[in-house]
Amino acid sequence: MKMLSYRIFLKKEPEGGFTVTVPTLPGCVTFGKTLDEAMKMAREAIELYLEALQAHCTLRNT
């Protein structure tokens, strides 16, 4: 499987935790209580986003 890289933006929230956005994947946003958790959640969100996009494109082409 090809490894892809995506730039993410991390925002430290005043009430705690981190919001993560992926600018090149519209609507791909997640949150983690710690930096490590936020990074893990970002990887998962990107993976799920791409899977959903692929499924949508497959359905459209049938």
PDB file of N, CA and C in Angstrom:
ATOM      1  N   MET A   1       0.841  -1.182   0.000  1.00  0.00           N
ATOM      2  CA  MET A   1       0.000   0.000   0.000  1.00  0.00           C
ATOM      3  C   MET A   1       0.888   1.247   0.000  1.00  0.00           C
ATOM      4  N   LYS A   2       0.514   2.214  -0.785  1.00  0.00           N
ATOM      5  CA  LYS A   2       1.282   3.450  -0.902  1.00  0.00           C
ATOM      6  C   LYS A   2       1.079   4.318   0.341  1.00  0.00           C
ATOM      7  N   MET A   3       2.175   4.852   0.860  1.00  0.00           N
ATOM      8  CA  MET A   3       2.125   5.725   2.032  1.00  0.00           C
ATOM      9  C   MET A   3       1.955   7.165   1.563  1.00  0.00           C
ATOM     10  N   LEU A   4       0.931   7.821   2.066  1.00  0.00           N
ATOM     11  CA  LEU A   4       0.667   9.216   1.727  1.00  0.00           C
ATOM     12  C   LEU A   4       0.902  10.092   2.947  1.00  0.00           C
ATOM     13  N   SER A   5       1.275  11.323   2.710  1.00  0.00           N
ATOM     14  CA  SER A   5       1.476  12.281   3.801  1.00  0.00           C
ATOM     15  C   SER A   5       0.490  13.424   3.659  1.00  0.00           C
ATOM     16  N   TYR A   6      -0.055  13.846   4.774  1.00  0.00           N
ATOM     17  CA  TYR A   6      -0.989  14.967   4.802  1.00  0.00           C
ATOM     18  C   TYR A   6      -0.552  15.952   5.870  1.00  0.00           C
ATOM     19  N   ARG A   7      -0.622  17.225   5.537  1.00  0.00           N
ATOM     20  CA  ARG A   7      -0.333  18.272   6.512  1.00  0.00           C
ATOM     21  C   ARG A   7      -1.551  18.403   7.418  1.00  0.00           C
ATOM     22  N   ILE A   8      -1.296  18.522   8.707  1.00  0.00           N
ATOM     23  CA  ILE A   8      -2.386  18.722   9.660  1.00  0.00           C
ATOM     24  C   ILE A   8      -2.126  19.994  10.446  1.00  0.00           C
ATOM     25  N   PHE A   9      -3.208  20.575  10.953  1.00  0.00           N
ATOM     26  CA  PHE A   9      -3.100  21.715  11.853  1.00  0.00           C
ATOM     27  C   PHE A   9      -3.606  21.284  13.213  1.00  0.00           C
ATOM     28  N   LEU A  10      -2.805  21.559  14.229  1.00  0.00           N
ATOM     29  CA  LEU A  10      -3.170  21.257  15.612  1.00  0.00           C
ATOM     30  C   LEU A  10      -3.493  22.563  16.319  1.00  0.00           C
ATOM     31  N   LYS A  11      -4.612  22.577  17.016  1.00  0.00           N
ATOM     32  CA  LYS A  11      -4.984  23.761  17.786  1.00  0.00           C
ATOM     33  C   LYS A  11      -5.194  23.343  19.231  1.00  0.00           C
ATOM     34  N   LYS A  12      -4.394  23.915  20.129  1.00  0.00           N
ATOM     35  CA  LYS A  12      -4.562  23.629  21.549  1.00  0.00           C
ATOM     36  C   LYS A  12      -5.796  24.380  22.039  1.00  0.00           C
ATOM     37  N   GLU A  13      -6.727  23.641  22.604  1.00  0.00           N
ATOM     38  CA  GLU A  13      -7.976  24.233  23.062  1.00  0.00           C
ATOM     39  C   GLU A  13      -7.835  24.774  24.482  1.00  0.00           C
ATOM     40  N   PRO A  14      -8.436  25.933  24.769  1.00  0.00           N
ATOM     41  CA  PRO A  14      -8.318  26.546  26.097  1.00  0.00           C
ATOM     42  C   PRO A  14      -8.846  25.645  27.215  1.00  0.00           C
ATOM     43  N   GLU A  15      -9.871  24.850  26.909  1.00  0.00           N
ATOM     44  CA  GLU A  15     -10.443  23.973  27.935  1.00  0.00           C
ATOM     45  C   GLU A  15      -9.709  22.635  28.027  1.00  0.00           C
ATOM     46  N   GLY A  16      -8.674  22.470  27.199  1.00  0.00           N
ATOM     47  CA  GLY A  16      -7.865  21.255  27.214  1.00  0.00           C
ATOM     48  C   GLY A  16      -8.025  20.458  25.938  1.00  0.00           C
ATOM     49  N   GLY A  17      -6.997  19.735  25.592  1.00  0.00           N
ATOM     50  CA  GLY A  17      -7.023  18.900  24.407  1.00  0.00           C
ATOM     51  C   GLY A  17      -6.606  19.642  23.155  1.00  0.00           C
ATOM     52  N   PHE A  18      -6.664  18.917  22.046  1.00  0.00           N
ATOM     53  CA  PHE A  18      -6.212  19.444  20.762  1.00  0.00           C
ATOM     54  C   PHE A  18      -7.225  19.121  19.673  1.00  0.00           C
ATOM     55  N   THR A  19      -7.561  20.117  18.881  1.00  0.00           N
ATOM     56  CA  THR A  19      -8.372  19.908  17.687  1.00  0.00           C
ATOM     57  C   THR A  19      -7.418  19.767  16.511  1.00  0.00           C
ATOM     58  N   VAL A  20      -7.691  18.781  15.662  1.00  0.00           N
ATOM     59  CA  VAL A  20      -6.857  18.521  14.491  1.00  0.00           C
ATOM     60  C   VAL A  20      -7.703  18.694  13.237  1.00  0.00           C
ATOM     61  N   THR A  21      -7.196  19.466  12.280  1.00  0.00           N
ATOM     62  CA  THR A  21      -7.855  19.596  10.982  1.00  0.00           C
ATOM     63  C   THR A  21      -6.864  19.209   9.886  1.00  0.00           C
ATOM     64  N   VAL A  22      -7.422  18.687   8.800  1.00  0.00           N
ATOM     65  CA  VAL A  22      -6.620  18.299   7.640  1.00  0.00           C
ATOM     66  C   VAL A  22      -7.092  19.167   6.474  1.00  0.00           C
ATOM     67  N   PRO A  23      -6.381  20.247   6.171  1.00  0.00           N
ATOM     68  CA  PRO A  23      -6.852  21.216   5.175  1.00  0.00           C
ATOM     69  C   PRO A  23      -7.155  20.635   3.794  1.00  0.00           C
ATOM     70  N   THR A  24      -6.403  19.633   3.367  1.00  0.00           N
ATOM     71  CA  THR A  24      -6.626  19.077   2.030  1.00  0.00           C
ATOM     72  C   THR A  24      -7.778  18.077   1.974  1.00  0.00           C
ATOM     73  N   LEU A  25      -8.357  17.749   3.132  1.00  0.00           N
ATOM     74  CA  LEU A  25      -9.499  16.836   3.187  1.00  0.00           C
ATOM     75  C   LEU A  25     -10.652  17.575   3.867  1.00  0.00           C
ATOM     76  N   PRO A  26     -11.471  18.282   3.103  1.00  0.00           N
ATOM     77  CA  PRO A  26     -12.540  19.107   3.674  1.00  0.00           C
ATOM     78  C   PRO A  26     -13.436  18.328   4.640  1.00  0.00           C
ATOM     79  N   GLY A  27     -13.605  18.895   5.824  1.00  0.00           N
ATOM     80  CA  GLY A  27     -14.455  18.272   6.833  1.00  0.00           C
ATOM     81  C   GLY A  27     -13.753  17.234   7.682  1.00  0.00           C
ATOM     82  N   CYS A  28     -12.491  16.972   7.410  1.00  0.00           N
ATOM     83  CA  CYS A  28     -11.737  15.989   8.193  1.00  0.00           C
ATOM     84  C   CYS A  28     -11.180  16.687   9.432  1.00  0.00           C
ATOM     85  N   VAL A  29     -11.900  16.520  10.534  1.00  0.00           N
ATOM     86  CA  VAL A  29     -11.567  17.178  11.801  1.00  0.00           C
ATOM     87  C   VAL A  29     -11.699  16.145  12.908  1.00  0.00           C
ATOM     88  N   THR A  30     -10.798  16.178  13.867  1.00  0.00           N
ATOM     89  CA  THR A  30     -10.882  15.269  15.002  1.00  0.00           C
ATOM     90  C   THR A  30     -10.329  15.957  16.241  1.00  0.00           C
ATOM     91  N   PHE A  31     -10.306  15.242  17.358  1.00  0.00           N
ATOM     92  CA  PHE A  31      -9.909  15.819  18.635  1.00  0.00           C
ATOM     93  C   PHE A  31      -9.215  14.751  19.465  1.00  0.00           C
ATOM     94  N   GLY A  32      -8.249  15.179  20.265  1.00  0.00           N
ATOM     95  CA  GLY A  32      -7.606  14.291  21.226  1.00  0.00           C
ATOM     96  C   GLY A  32      -7.338  15.031  22.517  1.00  0.00           C
ATOM     97  N   LYS A  33      -7.445  14.325  23.633  1.00  0.00           N
ATOM     98  CA  LYS A  33      -7.207  14.945  24.942  1.00  0.00           C
ATOM     99  C   LYS A  33      -5.733  15.278  25.149  1.00  0.00           C
ATOM    100  N   THR A  34      -4.856  14.471  24.548  1.00  0.00           N
ATOM    101  CA  THR A  34      -3.412  14.708  24.621  1.00  0.00           C
ATOM    102  C   THR A  34      -2.873  14.839  23.199  1.00  0.00           C
ATOM    103  N   LEU A  35      -1.646  15.310  23.080  1.00  0.00           N
ATOM    104  CA  LEU A  35      -1.033  15.428  21.758  1.00  0.00           C
ATOM    105  C   LEU A  35      -0.912  14.057  21.099  1.00  0.00           C
ATOM    106  N   ASP A  36      -0.479  13.056  21.866  1.00  0.00           N
ATOM    107  CA  ASP A  36      -0.364  11.704  21.316  1.00  0.00           C
ATOM    108  C   ASP A  36      -1.711  11.181  20.835  1.00  0.00           C
ATOM    109  N   GLU A  37      -2.749  11.378  21.636  1.00  0.00           N
ATOM    110  CA  GLU A  37      -4.080  10.926  21.247  1.00  0.00           C
ATOM    111  C   GLU A  37      -4.564  11.681  20.005  1.00  0.00           C
ATOM    112  N   ALA A  38      -4.292  12.975  19.939  1.00  0.00           N
ATOM    113  CA  ALA A  38      -4.702  13.775  18.782  1.00  0.00           C
ATOM    114  C   ALA A  38      -4.030  13.266  17.508  1.00  0.00           C
ATOM    115  N   MET A  39      -2.759  12.916  17.588  1.00  0.00           N
ATOM    116  CA  MET A  39      -2.045  12.392  16.423  1.00  0.00           C
ATOM    117  C   MET A  39      -2.620  11.042  15.997  1.00  0.00           C
ATOM    118  N   LYS A  40      -2.920  10.194  16.968  1.00  0.00           N
ATOM    119  CA  LYS A  40      -3.521   8.889  16.673  1.00  0.00           C
ATOM    120  C   LYS A  40      -4.888   9.072  16.016  1.00  0.00           C
ATOM    121  N   MET A  41      -5.678   9.974  16.558  1.00  0.00           N
ATOM    122  CA  MET A  41      -7.007  10.234  16.018  1.00  0.00           C
ATOM    123  C   MET A  41      -6.917  10.830  14.611  1.00  0.00           C
ATOM    124  N   ALA A  42      -5.891  11.652  14.366  1.00  0.00           N
ATOM    125  CA  ALA A  42      -5.702  12.242  13.036  1.00  0.00           C
ATOM    126  C   ALA A  42      -5.427  11.153  12.006  1.00  0.00           C
ATOM    127  N   ARG A  43      -4.548  10.215  12.347  1.00  0.00           N
ATOM    128  CA  ARG A  43      -4.256   9.111  11.426  1.00  0.00           C
ATOM    129  C   ARG A  43      -5.520   8.317  11.116  1.00  0.00           C
ATOM    130  N   GLU A  44      -6.291   8.038  12.161  1.00  0.00           N
ATOM    131  CA  GLU A  44      -7.529   7.277  11.989  1.00  0.00           C
ATOM    132  C   GLU A  44      -8.548   8.056  11.146  1.00  0.00           C
ATOM    133  N   ALA A  45      -8.681   9.352  11.410  1.00  0.00           N
ATOM    134  CA  ALA A  45      -9.636  10.175  10.661  1.00  0.00           C
ATOM    135  C   ALA A  45      -9.268  10.236   9.179  1.00  0.00           C
ATOM    136  N   ILE A  46      -7.993  10.377   8.882  1.00  0.00           N
ATOM    137  CA  ILE A  46      -7.540  10.413   7.487  1.00  0.00           C
ATOM    138  C   ILE A  46      -7.829   9.082   6.805  1.00  0.00           C
ATOM    139  N   GLU A  47      -7.512   7.993   7.489  1.00  0.00           N
ATOM    140  CA  GLU A  47      -7.763   6.663   6.931  1.00  0.00           C
ATOM    141  C   GLU A  47      -9.252   6.459   6.636  1.00  0.00           C
ATOM    142  N   LEU A  48     -10.106   6.809   7.581  1.00  0.00           N
ATOM    143  CA  LEU A  48     -11.548   6.650   7.393  1.00  0.00           C
ATOM    144  C   LEU A  48     -12.078   7.563   6.291  1.00  0.00           C
ATOM    145  N   TYR A  49     -11.561   8.770   6.231  1.00  0.00           N
ATOM    146  CA  TYR A  49     -11.968   9.718   5.187  1.00  0.00           C
ATOM    147  C   TYR A  49     -11.658   9.140   3.808  1.00  0.00           C
ATOM    148  N   LEU A  50     -10.438   8.631   3.645  1.00  0.00           N
ATOM    149  CA  LEU A  50     -10.030   8.093   2.349  1.00  0.00           C
ATOM    150  C   LEU A  50     -10.816   6.836   1.986  1.00  0.00           C
ATOM    151  N   GLU A  51     -11.109   5.993   2.977  1.00  0.00           N
ATOM    152  CA  GLU A  51     -11.929   4.801   2.727  1.00  0.00           C
ATOM    153  C   GLU A  51     -13.328   5.202   2.262  1.00  0.00           C
ATOM    154  N   ALA A  52     -13.913   6.194   2.920  1.00  0.00           N
ATOM    155  CA  ALA A  52     -15.253   6.656   2.542  1.00  0.00           C
ATOM    156  C   ALA A  52     -15.236   7.270   1.144  1.00  0.00           C
ATOM    157  N   LEU A  53     -14.207   8.024   0.834  1.00  0.00           N
ATOM    158  CA  LEU A  53     -14.078   8.629  -0.491  1.00  0.00           C
ATOM    159  C   LEU A  53     -13.963   7.554  -1.568  1.00  0.00           C
ATOM    160  N   GLN A  54     -13.161   6.542  -1.298  1.00  0.00           N
ATOM    161  CA  GLN A  54     -12.991   5.451  -2.251  1.00  0.00           C
ATOM    162  C   GLN A  54     -14.308   4.695  -2.440  1.00  0.00           C
ATOM    163  N   ALA A  55     -15.024   4.426  -1.370  1.00  0.00           N
ATOM    164  CA  ALA A  55     -16.311   3.726  -1.458  1.00  0.00           C
ATOM    165  C   ALA A  55     -17.314   4.557  -2.254  1.00  0.00           C
ATOM    166  N   HIS A  56     -17.327   5.855  -2.015  1.00  0.00           N
ATOM    167  CA  HIS A  56     -18.242   6.741  -2.734  1.00  0.00           C
ATOM    168  C   HIS A  56     -17.936   6.737  -4.230  1.00  0.00           C
ATOM    169  N   CYS A  57     -16.665   6.817  -4.573  1.00  0.00           N
ATOM    170  CA  CYS A  57     -16.267   6.822  -5.989  1.00  0.00           C
ATOM    171  C   CYS A  57     -16.591   5.489  -6.641  1.00  0.00           C
ATOM    172  N   THR A  58     -16.409   4.393  -5.921  1.00  0.00           N
ATOM    173  CA  THR A  58     -16.725   3.070  -6.451  1.00  0.00           C
ATOM    174  C   THR A  58     -18.218   2.955  -6.716  1.00  0.00           C
ATOM    175  N   LEU A  59     -19.040   3.420  -5.788  1.00  0.00           N
ATOM    176  CA  LEU A  59     -20.490   3.370  -5.956  1.00  0.00           C
ATOM    177  C   LEU A  59     -20.945   4.233  -7.130  1.00  0.00           C
ATOM    178  N   ARG A  60     -20.324   5.373  -7.296  1.00  0.00           N
ATOM    179  CA  ARG A  60     -20.686   6.286  -8.383  1.00  0.00           C
ATOM    180  C   ARG A  60     -20.373   5.709  -9.748  1.00  0.00           C
ATOM    181  N   ASN A  61     -19.331   4.903  -9.814  1.00  0.00           N
ATOM    182  CA  ASN A  61     -18.884   4.353 -11.096  1.00  0.00           C
ATOM    183  C   ASN A  61     -19.562   3.035 -11.457  1.00  0.00           C
ATOM    184  N   THR A  62     -20.505   2.570 -10.668  1.00  0.00           N
ATOM    185  CA  THR A  62     -21.184   1.305 -10.990  1.00  0.00           C
ATOM    186  C   THR A  62     -22.517   1.557 -11.650  1.00  0.00           C
TER     187      THR A  62
END
